Amino acid sequence: MPLSYIGLWVTEDGYIRQELLADGRYEEARGPRLGASSGRYSVENDRIEYVENASGFTADGRFEDGVLYHAGMVLYRRP
């Protein structure tokens, strides 16, 4: 897992916050709702694949020039 992908990713307005953990898990918050979604993820090259815990729903995204594009959202890494 490239270390540059691990950490907190946030939409410009701060509403969606997605933390990519070093163990291949993710936690997502939406507005005041912590734990809105969680599951596991994997990264290959610049593509990310998600599997949500509760439903098994899958999604994907891509990293491009330090930006994460996922499900119509644009997320920026926060230090």
PDB file of N, CA and C in Angstrom:
ATOM      1  N   MET A   1       0.852  -1.175   0.000  1.00  0.00           N
ATOM      2  CA  MET A   1       0.000   0.000   0.000  1.00  0.00           C
ATOM      3  C   MET A   1       0.901   1.242   0.000  1.00  0.00           C
ATOM      4  N   PRO A   2       0.791   2.061  -1.011  1.00  0.00           N
ATOM      5  CA  PRO A   2       1.594   3.292  -1.004  1.00  0.00           C
ATOM      6  C   PRO A   2       1.202   4.194   0.175  1.00  0.00           C
ATOM      7  N   LEU A   3       2.185   4.607   0.930  1.00  0.00           N
ATOM      8  CA  LEU A   3       1.931   5.441   2.104  1.00  0.00           C
ATOM      9  C   LEU A   3       1.276   6.769   1.743  1.00  0.00           C
ATOM     10  N   SER A   4       1.477   7.234   0.527  1.00  0.00           N
ATOM     11  CA  SER A   4       0.909   8.531   0.136  1.00  0.00           C
ATOM     12  C   SER A   4      -0.617   8.506   0.093  1.00  0.00           C
ATOM     13  N   TYR A   5      -1.228   7.318   0.085  1.00  0.00           N
ATOM     14  CA  TYR A   5      -2.685   7.219   0.047  1.00  0.00           C
ATOM     15  C   TYR A   5      -3.295   7.121   1.438  1.00  0.00           C
ATOM     16  N   ILE A   6      -2.520   6.709   2.411  1.00  0.00           N
ATOM     17  CA  ILE A   6      -3.020   6.524   3.774  1.00  0.00           C
ATOM     18  C   ILE A   6      -3.239   7.890   4.420  1.00  0.00           C
ATOM     19  N   GLY A   7      -4.350   8.040   5.117  1.00  0.00           N
ATOM     20  CA  GLY A   7      -4.634   9.284   5.818  1.00  0.00           C
ATOM     21  C   GLY A   7      -6.042   9.770   5.563  1.00  0.00           C
ATOM     22  N   LEU A   8      -6.266  11.018   5.892  1.00  0.00           N
ATOM     23  CA  LEU A   8      -7.587  11.630   5.808  1.00  0.00           C
ATOM     24  C   LEU A   8      -7.778  12.336   4.475  1.00  0.00           C
ATOM     25  N   TRP A   9      -8.892  12.022   3.815  1.00  0.00           N
ATOM     26  CA  TRP A   9      -9.280  12.641   2.555  1.00  0.00           C
ATOM     27  C   TRP A   9     -10.615  13.341   2.781  1.00  0.00           C
ATOM     28  N   VAL A  10     -10.737  14.587   2.304  1.00  0.00           N
ATOM     29  CA  VAL A  10     -11.881  15.427   2.644  1.00  0.00           C
ATOM     30  C   VAL A  10     -12.360  16.182   1.403  1.00  0.00           C
ATOM     31  N   THR A  11     -13.692  16.289   1.250  1.00  0.00           N
ATOM     32  CA  THR A  11     -14.223  17.135   0.184  1.00  0.00           C
ATOM     33  C   THR A  11     -13.913  18.590   0.522  1.00  0.00           C
ATOM     34  N   GLU A  12     -13.938  19.429  -0.488  1.00  0.00           N
ATOM     35  CA  GLU A  12     -13.576  20.835  -0.300  1.00  0.00           C
ATOM     36  C   GLU A  12     -14.415  21.513   0.786  1.00  0.00           C
ATOM     37  N   ASP A  13     -15.690  21.143   0.884  1.00  0.00           N
ATOM     38  CA  ASP A  13     -16.555  21.756   1.902  1.00  0.00           C
ATOM     39  C   ASP A  13     -16.452  21.065   3.268  1.00  0.00           C
ATOM     40  N   GLY A  14     -15.653  19.981   3.345  1.00  0.00           N
ATOM     41  CA  GLY A  14     -15.449  19.280   4.605  1.00  0.00           C
ATOM     42  C   GLY A  14     -16.585  18.356   5.002  1.00  0.00           C
ATOM     43  N   TYR A  15     -17.614  18.244   4.184  1.00  0.00           N
ATOM     44  CA  TYR A  15     -18.786  17.447   4.543  1.00  0.00           C
ATOM     45  C   TYR A  15     -18.465  15.944   4.573  1.00  0.00           C
ATOM     46  N   ILE A  16     -17.750  15.459   3.547  1.00  0.00           N
ATOM     47  CA  ILE A  16     -17.358  14.050   3.489  1.00  0.00           C
ATOM     48  C   ILE A  16     -15.907  13.951   3.939  1.00  0.00           C
ATOM     49  N   ARG A  17     -15.686  13.049   4.906  1.00  0.00           N
ATOM     50  CA  ARG A  17     -14.336  12.802   5.414  1.00  0.00           C
ATOM     51  C   ARG A  17     -14.091  11.309   5.379  1.00  0.00           C
ATOM     52  N   GLN A  18     -13.074  10.918   4.669  1.00  0.00           N
ATOM     53  CA  GLN A  18     -12.784   9.502   4.504  1.00  0.00           C
ATOM     54  C   GLN A  18     -11.352   9.237   4.962  1.00  0.00           C
ATOM     55  N   GLU A  19     -11.212   8.357   5.940  1.00  0.00           N
ATOM     56  CA  GLU A  19      -9.883   8.026   6.441  1.00  0.00           C
ATOM     57  C   GLU A  19      -9.481   6.654   5.921  1.00  0.00           C
ATOM     58  N   LEU A  20      -8.373   6.626   5.193  1.00  0.00           N
ATOM     59  CA  LEU A  20      -7.804   5.375   4.694  1.00  0.00           C
ATOM     60  C   LEU A  20      -6.740   4.944   5.691  1.00  0.00           C
ATOM     61  N   LEU A  21      -6.972   3.835   6.348  1.00  0.00           N
ATOM     62  CA  LEU A  21      -6.086   3.352   7.396  1.00  0.00           C
ATOM     63  C   LEU A  21      -5.017   2.430   6.815  1.00  0.00           C
ATOM     64  N   ALA A  22      -3.894   2.326   7.502  1.00  0.00           N
ATOM     65  CA  ALA A  22      -2.755   1.541   7.022  1.00  0.00           C
ATOM     66  C   ALA A  22      -3.057   0.051   6.919  1.00  0.00           C
ATOM     67  N   ASP A  23      -4.060  -0.430   7.652  1.00  0.00           N
ATOM     68  CA  ASP A  23      -4.384  -1.858   7.640  1.00  0.00           C
ATOM     69  C   ASP A  23      -5.371  -2.243   6.526  1.00  0.00           C
ATOM     70  N   GLY A  24      -5.643  -1.303   5.588  1.00  0.00           N
ATOM     71  CA  GLY A  24      -6.547  -1.599   4.479  1.00  0.00           C
ATOM     72  C   GLY A  24      -8.019  -1.402   4.800  1.00  0.00           C
ATOM     73  N   ARG A  25      -8.307  -0.730   5.903  1.00  0.00           N
ATOM     74  CA  ARG A  25      -9.685  -0.411   6.287  1.00  0.00           C
ATOM     75  C   ARG A  25      -9.940   1.072   6.019  1.00  0.00           C
ATOM     76  N   TYR A  26     -11.214   1.433   5.902  1.00  0.00           N
ATOM     77  CA  TYR A  26     -11.570   2.846   5.776  1.00  0.00           C
ATOM     78  C   TYR A  26     -12.745   3.147   6.689  1.00  0.00           C
ATOM     79  N   GLU A  27     -12.837   4.407   7.082  1.00  0.00           N
ATOM     80  CA  GLU A  27     -13.953   4.937   7.869  1.00  0.00           C
ATOM     81  C   GLU A  27     -14.399   6.219   7.177  1.00  0.00           C
ATOM     82  N   GLU A  28     -15.713   6.376   7.007  1.00  0.00           N
ATOM     83  CA  GLU A  28     -16.221   7.570   6.339  1.00  0.00           C
ATOM     84  C   GLU A  28     -17.221   8.281   7.236  1.00  0.00           C
ATOM     85  N   ALA A  29     -17.101   9.593   7.294  1.00  0.00           N
ATOM     86  CA  ALA A  29     -18.048  10.443   8.026  1.00  0.00           C
ATOM     87  C   ALA A  29     -18.707  11.381   7.024  1.00  0.00           C
ATOM     88  N   ARG A  30     -19.976  11.691   7.281  1.00  0.00           N
ATOM     89  CA  ARG A  30     -20.736  12.618   6.429  1.00  0.00           C
ATOM     90  C   ARG A  30     -21.389  13.650   7.333  1.00  0.00           C
ATOM     91  N   GLY A  31     -20.929  14.881   7.209  1.00  0.00           N
ATOM     92  CA  GLY A  31     -21.440  15.924   8.081  1.00  0.00           C
ATOM     93  C   GLY A  31     -21.216  15.537   9.529  1.00  0.00           C
ATOM     94  N   PRO A  32     -22.239  15.649  10.367  1.00  0.00           N
ATOM     95  CA  PRO A  32     -22.066  15.310  11.785  1.00  0.00           C
ATOM     96  C   PRO A  32     -22.105  13.803  12.044  1.00  0.00           C
ATOM     97  N   ARG A  33     -22.422  13.025  11.015  1.00  0.00           N
ATOM     98  CA  ARG A  33     -22.581  11.576  11.192  1.00  0.00           C
ATOM     99  C   ARG A  33     -21.242  10.845  11.050  1.00  0.00           C
ATOM    100  N   LEU A  34     -20.654  10.483  12.185  1.00  0.00           N
ATOM    101  CA  LEU A  34     -19.441   9.674  12.184  1.00  0.00           C
ATOM    102  C   LEU A  34     -19.831   8.234  11.881  1.00  0.00           C
ATOM    103  N   GLY A  35     -18.930   7.482  11.282  1.00  0.00           N
ATOM    104  CA  GLY A  35     -19.219   6.084  10.990  1.00  0.00           C
ATOM    105  C   GLY A  35     -20.321   5.879   9.975  1.00  0.00           C
ATOM    106  N   ALA A  36     -20.474   6.816   9.045  1.00  0.00           N
ATOM    107  CA  ALA A  36     -21.510   6.695   8.020  1.00  0.00           C
ATOM    108  C   ALA A  36     -21.276   5.464   7.144  1.00  0.00           C
ATOM    109  N   SER A  37     -20.031   5.100   6.955  1.00  0.00           N
ATOM    110  CA  SER A  37     -19.671   3.939   6.156  1.00  0.00           C
ATOM    111  C   SER A  37     -18.305   3.461   6.615  1.00  0.00           C
ATOM    112  N   SER A  38     -18.098   2.162   6.537  1.00  0.00           N
ATOM    113  CA  SER A  38     -16.782   1.614   6.857  1.00  0.00           C
ATOM    114  C   SER A  38     -16.623   0.295   6.128  1.00  0.00           C
ATOM    115  N   GLY A  39     -15.397  -0.102   5.936  1.00  0.00           N
ATOM    116  CA  GLY A  39     -15.123  -1.350   5.244  1.00  0.00           C
ATOM    117  C   GLY A  39     -13.655  -1.486   4.956  1.00  0.00           C
ATOM    118  N   ARG A  40     -13.378  -2.160   3.866  1.00  0.00           N
ATOM    119  CA  ARG A  40     -11.977  -2.350   3.486  1.00  0.00           C
ATOM    120  C   ARG A  40     -11.752  -1.765   2.094  1.00  0.00           C
ATOM    121  N   TYR A  41     -10.492  -1.525   1.810  1.00  0.00           N
ATOM    122  CA  TYR A  41     -10.126  -0.990   0.507  1.00  0.00           C
ATOM    123  C   TYR A  41      -8.818  -1.617   0.061  1.00  0.00           C
ATOM    124  N   SER A  42      -8.568  -1.544  -1.228  1.00  0.00           N
ATOM    125  CA  SER A  42      -7.284  -1.963  -1.780  1.00  0.00           C
ATOM    126  C   SER A  42      -6.921  -0.978  -2.886  1.00  0.00           C
ATOM    127  N   VAL A  43      -5.625  -0.791  -3.054  1.00  0.00           N
ATOM    128  CA  VAL A  43      -5.131   0.130  -4.074  1.00  0.00           C
ATOM    129  C   VAL A  43      -4.203  -0.636  -5.005  1.00  0.00           C
ATOM    130  N   GLU A  44      -4.427  -0.472  -6.292  1.00  0.00           N
ATOM    131  CA  GLU A  44      -3.528  -1.016  -7.303  1.00  0.00           C
ATOM    132  C   GLU A  44      -3.234   0.095  -8.293  1.00  0.00           C
ATOM    133  N   ASN A  45      -1.960   0.416  -8.409  1.00  0.00           N
ATOM    134  CA  ASN A  45      -1.536   1.567  -9.194  1.00  0.00           C
ATOM    135  C   ASN A  45      -2.246   2.802  -8.630  1.00  0.00           C
ATOM    136  N   ASP A  46      -3.058   3.473  -9.419  1.00  0.00           N
ATOM    137  CA  ASP A  46      -3.762   4.661  -8.931  1.00  0.00           C
ATOM    138  C   ASP A  46      -5.261   4.423  -8.763  1.00  0.00           C
ATOM    139  N   ARG A  47      -5.680   3.152  -8.745  1.00  0.00           N
ATOM    140  CA  ARG A  47      -7.098   2.812  -8.570  1.00  0.00           C
ATOM    141  C   ARG A  47      -7.348   2.295  -7.169  1.00  0.00           C
ATOM    142  N   ILE A  48      -8.469   2.695  -6.601  1.00  0.00           N
ATOM    143  CA  ILE A  48      -8.868   2.218  -5.288  1.00  0.00           C
ATOM    144  C   ILE A  48     -10.196   1.489  -5.419  1.00  0.00           C
ATOM    145  N   GLU A  49     -10.317   0.376  -4.732  1.00  0.00           N
ATOM    146  CA  GLU A  49     -11.543  -0.418  -4.699  1.00  0.00           C
ATOM    147  C   GLU A  49     -12.007  -0.489  -3.245  1.00  0.00           C
ATOM    148  N   TYR A  50     -13.285  -0.256  -3.009  1.00  0.00           N
ATOM    149  CA  TYR A  50     -13.875  -0.283  -1.672  1.00  0.00           C
ATOM    150  C   TYR A  50     -14.888  -1.421  -1.568  1.00  0.00           C
ATOM    151  N   VAL A  51     -14.971  -2.032  -0.387  1.00  0.00           N
ATOM    152  CA  VAL A  51     -16.046  -2.975  -0.060  1.00  0.00           C
ATOM    153  C   VAL A  51     -16.593  -2.548   1.294  1.00  0.00           C
ATOM    154  N   GLU A  52     -17.862  -2.164   1.315  1.00  0.00           N
ATOM    155  CA  GLU A  52     -18.505  -1.650   2.526  1.00  0.00           C
ATOM    156  C   GLU A  52     -18.894  -2.818   3.439  1.00  0.00           C
ATOM    157  N   ASN A  53     -18.693  -2.658   4.731  1.00  0.00           N
ATOM    158  CA  ASN A  53     -18.943  -3.727   5.708  1.00  0.00           C
ATOM    159  C   ASN A  53     -20.385  -4.205   5.733  1.00  0.00           C
ATOM    160  N   ALA A  54     -21.326  -3.308   5.969  1.00  0.00           N
ATOM    161  CA  ALA A  54     -22.707  -3.687   6.258  1.00  0.00           C
ATOM    162  C   ALA A  54     -23.401  -4.370   5.083  1.00  0.00           C
ATOM    163  N   SER A  55     -23.212  -3.832   3.877  1.00  0.00           N
ATOM    164  CA  SER A  55     -23.976  -4.322   2.734  1.00  0.00           C
ATOM    165  C   SER A  55     -23.159  -5.106   1.723  1.00  0.00           C
ATOM    166  N   GLY A  56     -21.831  -4.996   1.801  1.00  0.00           N
ATOM    167  CA  GLY A  56     -20.987  -5.621   0.790  1.00  0.00           C
ATOM    168  C   GLY A  56     -20.914  -4.810  -0.494  1.00  0.00           C
ATOM    169  N   PHE A  57     -21.531  -3.615  -0.481  1.00  0.00           N
ATOM    170  CA  PHE A  57     -21.523  -2.720  -1.636  1.00  0.00           C
ATOM    171  C   PHE A  57     -20.082  -2.432  -2.046  1.00  0.00           C
ATOM    172  N   THR A  58     -19.818  -2.419  -3.334  1.00  0.00           N
ATOM    173  CA  THR A  58     -18.484  -2.110  -3.834  1.00  0.00           C
ATOM    174  C   THR A  58     -18.500  -0.796  -4.601  1.00  0.00           C
ATOM    175  N   ALA A  59     -17.381  -0.128  -4.568  1.00  0.00           N
ATOM    176  CA  ALA A  59     -17.217   1.132  -5.298  1.00  0.00           C
ATOM    177  C   ALA A  59     -15.746   1.259  -5.664  1.00  0.00           C
ATOM    178  N   ASP A  60     -15.470   2.192  -6.535  1.00  0.00           N
ATOM    179  CA  ASP A  60     -14.077   2.404  -6.902  1.00  0.00           C
ATOM    180  C   ASP A  60     -13.797   3.886  -7.069  1.00  0.00           C
ATOM    181  N   GLY A  61     -12.556   4.195  -7.278  1.00  0.00           N
ATOM    182  CA  GLY A  61     -12.130   5.570  -7.480  1.00  0.00           C
ATOM    183  C   GLY A  61     -10.728   5.569  -8.057  1.00  0.00           C
ATOM    184  N   ARG A  62     -10.190   6.777  -8.200  1.00  0.00           N
ATOM    185  CA  ARG A  62      -8.828   6.882  -8.729  1.00  0.00           C
ATOM    186  C   ARG A  62      -8.129   8.079  -8.102  1.00  0.00           C
ATOM    187  N   PHE A  63      -6.842   7.954  -7.964  1.00  0.00           N
ATOM    188  CA  PHE A  63      -5.995   9.041  -7.499  1.00  0.00           C
ATOM    189  C   PHE A  63      -5.340   9.666  -8.718  1.00  0.00           C
ATOM    190  N   GLU A  64      -5.410  10.982  -8.789  1.00  0.00           N
ATOM    191  CA  GLU A  64      -4.805  11.692  -9.914  1.00  0.00           C
ATOM    192  C   GLU A  64      -4.237  13.008  -9.408  1.00  0.00           C
ATOM    193  N   ASP A  65      -2.936  13.177  -9.543  1.00  0.00           N
ATOM    194  CA  ASP A  65      -2.260  14.405  -9.124  1.00  0.00           C
ATOM    195  C   ASP A  65      -2.577  14.781  -7.678  1.00  0.00           C
ATOM    196  N   GLY A  66      -2.570  13.780  -6.783  1.00  0.00           N
ATOM    197  CA  GLY A  66      -2.782  14.050  -5.368  1.00  0.00           C
ATOM    198  C   GLY A  66      -4.227  14.286  -4.974  1.00  0.00           C
ATOM    199  N   VAL A  67      -5.162  13.969  -5.863  1.00  0.00           N
ATOM    200  CA  VAL A  67      -6.590  14.153  -5.606  1.00  0.00           C
ATOM    201  C   VAL A  67      -7.263  12.784  -5.748  1.00  0.00           C
ATOM    202  N   LEU A  68      -8.243  12.500  -4.887  1.00  0.00           N
ATOM    203  CA  LEU A  68      -9.007  11.263  -4.956  1.00  0.00           C
ATOM    204  C   LEU A  68     -10.374  11.555  -5.566  1.00  0.00           C
ATOM    205  N   TYR A  69     -10.668  10.898  -6.672  1.00  0.00           N
ATOM    206  CA  TYR A  69     -11.962  11.005  -7.341  1.00  0.00           C
ATOM    207  C   TYR A  69     -12.735   9.725  -7.042  1.00  0.00           C
ATOM    208  N   HIS A  70     -13.865   9.856  -6.357  1.00  0.00           N
ATOM    209  CA  HIS A  70     -14.618   8.674  -5.919  1.00  0.00           C
ATOM    210  C   HIS A  70     -16.110   8.988  -5.890  1.00  0.00           C
ATOM    211  N   ALA A  71     -16.895   8.213  -6.634  1.00  0.00           N
ATOM    212  CA  ALA A  71     -18.358   8.302  -6.623  1.00  0.00           C
ATOM    213  C   ALA A  71     -18.866   9.727  -6.852  1.00  0.00           C
ATOM    214  N   GLY A  72     -18.283  10.416  -7.803  1.00  0.00           N
ATOM    215  CA  GLY A  72     -18.705  11.777  -8.107  1.00  0.00           C
ATOM    216  C   GLY A  72     -18.168  12.820  -7.154  1.00  0.00           C
ATOM    217  N   MET A  73     -17.366  12.404  -6.187  1.00  0.00           N
ATOM    218  CA  MET A  73     -16.790  13.338  -5.216  1.00  0.00           C
ATOM    219  C   MET A  73     -15.327  13.587  -5.551  1.00  0.00           C
ATOM    220  N   VAL A  74     -14.843  14.728  -5.122  1.00  0.00           N
ATOM    221  CA  VAL A  74     -13.435  15.086  -5.241  1.00  0.00           C
ATOM    222  C   VAL A  74     -12.932  15.298  -3.814  1.00  0.00           C
ATOM    223  N   LEU A  75     -11.941  14.492  -3.414  1.00  0.00           N
ATOM    224  CA  LEU A  75     -11.421  14.566  -2.052  1.00  0.00           C
ATOM    225  C   LEU A  75      -9.944  14.929  -2.072  1.00  0.00           C
ATOM    226  N   TYR A  76      -9.557  15.731  -1.110  1.00  0.00           N
ATOM    227  CA  TYR A  76      -8.186  16.206  -1.001  1.00  0.00           C
ATOM    228  C   TYR A  76      -7.582  15.660   0.282  1.00  0.00           C
ATOM    229  N   ARG A  77      -6.314  15.298   0.210  1.00  0.00           N
ATOM    230  CA  ARG A  77      -5.644  14.724   1.375  1.00  0.00           C
ATOM    231  C   ARG A  77      -5.339  15.837   2.384  1.00  0.00           C
ATOM    232  N   ARG A  78      -5.654  15.550   3.624  1.00  0.00           N
ATOM    233  CA  ARG A  78      -5.316  16.455   4.719  1.00  0.00           C
ATOM    234  C   ARG A  78      -4.130  15.877   5.464  1.00  0.00           C
ATOM    235  N   PRO A  79      -3.171  16.714   5.822  1.00  0.00           N
ATOM    236  CA  PRO A  79      -2.007  16.209   6.577  1.00  0.00           C
ATOM    237  C   PRO A  79      -2.390  15.757   7.971  1.00  0.00           C
TER     238      PRO A  79
END
